[in-house]
Amino acid sequence: MPRRRVARPAHRGISTERVDTKRDGDWNVRPITGATSTKPYTCPGCLRPIPPATPHVVVWPVEKSLLSAAAIDERRHWHTACWTKQR
């Protein structure tokens, strides 16, 4: 009996992007796994480094600011705990 093939989406991961509301507005939040994190970043919450291969979140505003061409240009990498504590 032949094996039954199950159709899979082209992209293996399911997007877990969400919108968080903080006191300064609504923010798109995308979790990043350690496997896809290849560069170091500085967390704006604690000003400490986020080393490569460290799970964290990328955050950008839903509405762009007046000085930006697009909201995605304002994205920042945060430690997950620092973003969670951010009001």
Protein backbone atom coordinates (compact mmCIF):
# COMPACT_ATOMS: atom_id res chain seq x y z
CA MET A 1 0.00 0.00 0.00
CA PRO A 2 1.55 3.35 -1.02
CA ARG A 3 2.16 6.01 1.58
CA ARG A 4 -0.25 8.85 1.58
CA ARG A 5 1.36 12.25 0.99
CA VAL A 6 0.17 15.13 3.07
CA ALA A 7 0.26 18.57 1.48
CA ARG A 8 2.49 20.93 3.41
CA PRO A 9 2.70 24.67 3.13
CA ALA A 10 5.73 26.01 1.25
CA HIS A 11 6.89 27.75 4.43
CA ARG A 12 7.39 25.26 7.25
CA GLY A 13 6.87 27.67 10.15
CA ILE A 14 3.54 29.12 11.03
CA SER A 15 3.75 32.85 11.53
CA THR A 16 3.38 33.74 15.17
CA GLU A 17 3.49 37.46 14.48
CA ARG A 18 1.14 39.38 16.72
CA VAL A 19 0.22 42.93 17.67
CA ASP A 20 0.95 44.16 21.20
CA THR A 21 -0.57 47.35 22.59
CA LYS A 22 1.72 49.42 24.78
CA ARG A 23 1.16 52.92 26.17
CA ASP A 24 2.89 54.43 23.15
CA GLY A 25 0.78 52.59 20.57
CA ASP A 26 0.34 49.27 18.76
CA TRP A 27 3.39 47.23 17.82
CA ASN A 28 3.95 44.30 15.47
CA VAL A 29 5.93 41.60 17.28
CA ARG A 30 7.68 38.71 15.53
CA PRO A 31 9.48 36.03 17.58
CA ILE A 32 12.90 35.04 16.20
CA THR A 33 14.33 31.60 16.90
CA GLY A 34 17.96 31.11 17.79
CA ALA A 35 18.50 29.18 14.55
CA THR A 36 17.51 32.17 12.40
CA SER A 37 19.38 34.77 14.46
CA THR A 38 22.83 35.17 12.91
CA LYS A 39 23.87 38.72 13.86
CA PRO A 40 24.39 40.46 17.19
CA TYR A 41 21.94 43.24 18.12
CA THR A 42 21.61 45.66 21.02
CA CYS A 43 18.36 45.53 22.97
CA PRO A 44 16.84 49.03 23.33
CA GLY A 45 15.22 47.99 26.61
CA CYS A 46 18.38 47.18 28.57
CA LEU A 47 21.11 48.30 26.12
CA ARG A 48 22.77 44.90 26.47
CA PRO A 49 23.79 42.73 23.51
CA ILE A 50 21.61 40.03 21.99
CA PRO A 51 24.23 37.52 20.79
CA PRO A 52 23.77 35.52 17.58
CA ALA A 53 21.72 32.31 18.00
CA THR A 54 19.70 33.83 20.85
CA PRO A 55 15.89 33.70 20.60
CA HIS A 56 14.36 37.20 20.84
CA VAL A 57 11.62 39.37 19.27
CA VAL A 58 11.65 41.92 16.47
CA VAL A 59 9.28 44.81 17.08
CA TRP A 60 8.07 47.67 14.85
CA PRO A 61 5.14 50.08 15.07
CA VAL A 62 1.87 49.34 13.31
CA GLU A 63 1.69 53.02 12.26
CA LYS A 64 4.84 54.61 10.85
CA SER A 65 6.19 57.78 12.41
CA LEU A 66 6.26 61.02 10.43
CA LEU A 67 9.98 60.79 9.70
CA SER A 68 10.02 57.21 8.42
CA ALA A 69 9.31 56.02 4.90
CA ALA A 70 7.74 52.82 6.29
CA ALA A 71 6.96 51.40 9.74
CA ILE A 72 9.23 48.40 9.10
CA ASP A 73 12.17 50.83 8.93
CA GLU A 74 11.65 51.41 12.66
CA ARG A 75 12.06 47.76 13.67
CA ARG A 76 14.19 46.91 16.67
CA HIS A 77 15.42 43.64 18.17
CA TRP A 78 14.52 43.15 21.84
CA HIS A 79 15.20 40.47 24.44
CA THR A 80 11.84 38.76 24.89
CA ALA A 81 11.83 39.51 28.63
CA CYS A 82 12.70 43.19 28.08
CA TRP A 83 9.84 43.58 25.58
CA THR A 84 7.41 41.84 27.95
CA LYS A 85 8.35 44.25 30.77
CA GLN A 86 8.05 47.29 28.48
CA ARG A 87 4.85 49.24 29.19
